[in-house]
C-alpha atoms as a PDB file:
ATOM      1  CA  UNK A   1     -19.618  28.539 -21.738  1.00  0.00           C
ATOM      2  CA  UNK A   2     -15.773  27.069 -20.692  1.00  0.00           C
ATOM      3  CA  UNK A   3     -14.502  23.752 -22.239  1.00  0.00           C
ATOM      4  CA  UNK A   4     -12.350  21.260 -20.532  1.00  0.00           C
ATOM      5  CA  UNK A   5      -9.343  19.334 -21.261  1.00  0.00           C
ATOM      6  CA  UNK A   6      -8.513  15.571 -19.419  1.00  0.00           C
ATOM      7  CA  UNK A   7      -5.062  14.730 -19.879  1.00  0.00           C
ATOM      8  CA  UNK A   8      -3.965  11.593 -19.203  1.00  0.00           C
ATOM      9  CA  UNK A   9      -0.418   9.552 -18.691  1.00  0.00           C
ATOM     10  CA  UNK A  10       0.051   5.934 -18.032  1.00  0.00           C
ATOM     11  CA  UNK A  11       3.166   4.486 -17.325  1.00  0.00           C
ATOM     12  CA  UNK A  12       3.887   1.023 -16.227  1.00  0.00           C
ATOM     13  CA  UNK A  13       2.918   1.970 -12.442  1.00  0.00           C
ATOM     14  CA  UNK A  14       1.376   4.981 -12.333  1.00  0.00           C
ATOM     15  CA  UNK A  15      -1.356   6.955 -13.677  1.00  0.00           C
ATOM     16  CA  UNK A  16      -1.011  11.074 -13.983  1.00  0.00           C
ATOM     17  CA  UNK A  17      -3.758  13.283 -14.887  1.00  0.00           C
ATOM     18  CA  UNK A  18      -4.657  17.065 -15.279  1.00  0.00           C
ATOM     19  CA  UNK A  19      -8.204  18.905 -15.749  1.00  0.00           C
ATOM     20  CA  UNK A  20      -7.981  22.116 -17.558  1.00  0.00           C
ATOM     21  CA  UNK A  21     -10.658  24.987 -18.007  1.00  0.00           C
ATOM     22  CA  UNK A  22     -10.472  26.477 -21.395  1.00  0.00           C
ATOM     23  CA  UNK A  23     -11.987  29.964 -21.630  1.00  0.00           C
ATOM     24  CA  UNK A  24     -13.590  31.733 -24.775  1.00  0.00           C
ATOM     25  CA  UNK A  25     -10.114  33.198 -26.089  1.00  0.00           C
ATOM     26  CA  UNK A  26      -8.737  29.501 -26.073  1.00  0.00           C
ATOM     27  CA  UNK A  27      -6.841  30.247 -22.731  1.00  0.00           C
ATOM     28  CA  UNK A  28      -5.866  26.793 -20.320  1.00  0.00           C
ATOM     29  CA  UNK A  29      -6.211  26.916 -16.506  1.00  0.00           C
ATOM     30  CA  UNK A  30      -5.127  23.946 -14.571  1.00  0.00           C
ATOM     31  CA  UNK A  31      -7.817  23.242 -12.198  1.00  0.00           C
ATOM     32  CA  UNK A  32      -7.041  19.725 -10.846  1.00  0.00           C
ATOM     33  CA  UNK A  33      -4.111  17.631 -11.348  1.00  0.00           C
ATOM     34  CA  UNK A  34      -3.023  14.205  -9.787  1.00  0.00           C
ATOM     35  CA  UNK A  35      -1.819  10.742  -9.732  1.00  0.00           C
ATOM     36  CA  UNK A  36      -2.395   7.337  -8.913  1.00  0.00           C
ATOM     37  CA  UNK A  37       0.802   5.383  -8.794  1.00  0.00           C
ATOM     38  CA  UNK A  38       1.795   2.529  -6.422  1.00  0.00           C
ATOM     39  CA  UNK A  39      -0.386   0.030  -9.198  1.00  0.00           C
ATOM     40  CA  UNK A  40       0.408  -3.844  -8.275  1.00  0.00           C
ATOM     41  CA  UNK A  41       2.288  -3.140  -5.188  1.00  0.00           C
ATOM     42  CA  UNK A  42       0.575  -0.843  -2.673  1.00  0.00           C
ATOM     43  CA  UNK A  43      -1.485   1.950  -4.638  1.00  0.00           C
ATOM     44  CA  UNK A  44      -1.692   5.008  -3.589  1.00  0.00           C
ATOM     45  CA  UNK A  45      -4.223   8.285  -5.147  1.00  0.00           C
ATOM     46  CA  UNK A  46      -3.661  12.107  -4.714  1.00  0.00           C
ATOM     47  CA  UNK A  47      -5.553  14.884  -6.631  1.00  0.00           C
ATOM     48  CA  UNK A  48      -5.483  18.388  -5.877  1.00  0.00           C
ATOM     49  CA  UNK A  49      -6.869  21.608  -7.040  1.00  0.00           C
ATOM     50  CA  UNK A  50      -4.661  24.857  -6.798  1.00  0.00           C
ATOM     51  CA  UNK A  51      -2.100  23.343  -4.116  1.00  0.00           C
ATOM     52  CA  UNK A  52      -5.231  22.078  -2.050  1.00  0.00           C
ATOM     53  CA  UNK A  53      -5.212  18.478  -1.152  1.00  0.00           C
ATOM     54  CA  UNK A  54      -8.636  16.640  -2.459  1.00  0.00           C
ATOM     55  CA  UNK A  55      -8.197  13.114  -2.266  1.00  0.00           C
ATOM     56  CA  UNK A  56      -4.668  11.356  -0.289  1.00  0.00           C
ATOM     57  CA  UNK A  57      -5.293   7.703   0.470  1.00  0.00           C
ATOM     58  CA  UNK A  58      -3.244   4.895   0.337  1.00  0.00           C
ATOM     59  CA  UNK A  59      -4.404   1.052   0.004  1.00  0.00           C
ATOM     60  CA  UNK A  60      -8.147   2.592   0.143  1.00  0.00           C
ATOM     61  CA  UNK A  61      -7.314   4.667   3.477  1.00  0.00           C
ATOM     62  CA  UNK A  62      -7.324   8.519   4.073  1.00  0.00           C
ATOM     63  CA  UNK A  63      -3.231   9.028   4.327  1.00  0.00           C
ATOM     64  CA  UNK A  64      -1.168  12.049   6.354  1.00  0.00           C
ATOM     65  CA  UNK A  65      -3.933  11.786   9.142  1.00  0.00           C
ATOM     66  CA  UNK A  66      -6.779  13.410   6.914  1.00  0.00           C
ATOM     67  CA  UNK A  67     -10.339  12.621   8.183  1.00  0.00           C
END
């Protein structure tokens, strides 16, 4: 069974996050990263998994023509 670590960095207008899995020997591997920025103006949420975009939304709508 692996453990996970969730890291959050909250700034004045953005929140960045990363999710790591921790193997039995203590090795950390990043599973996901993302950020929520434009807080208070034009919100944008982006998350990716190993370079593949999982979420890319601006003002609640898909960004960059995604379905």
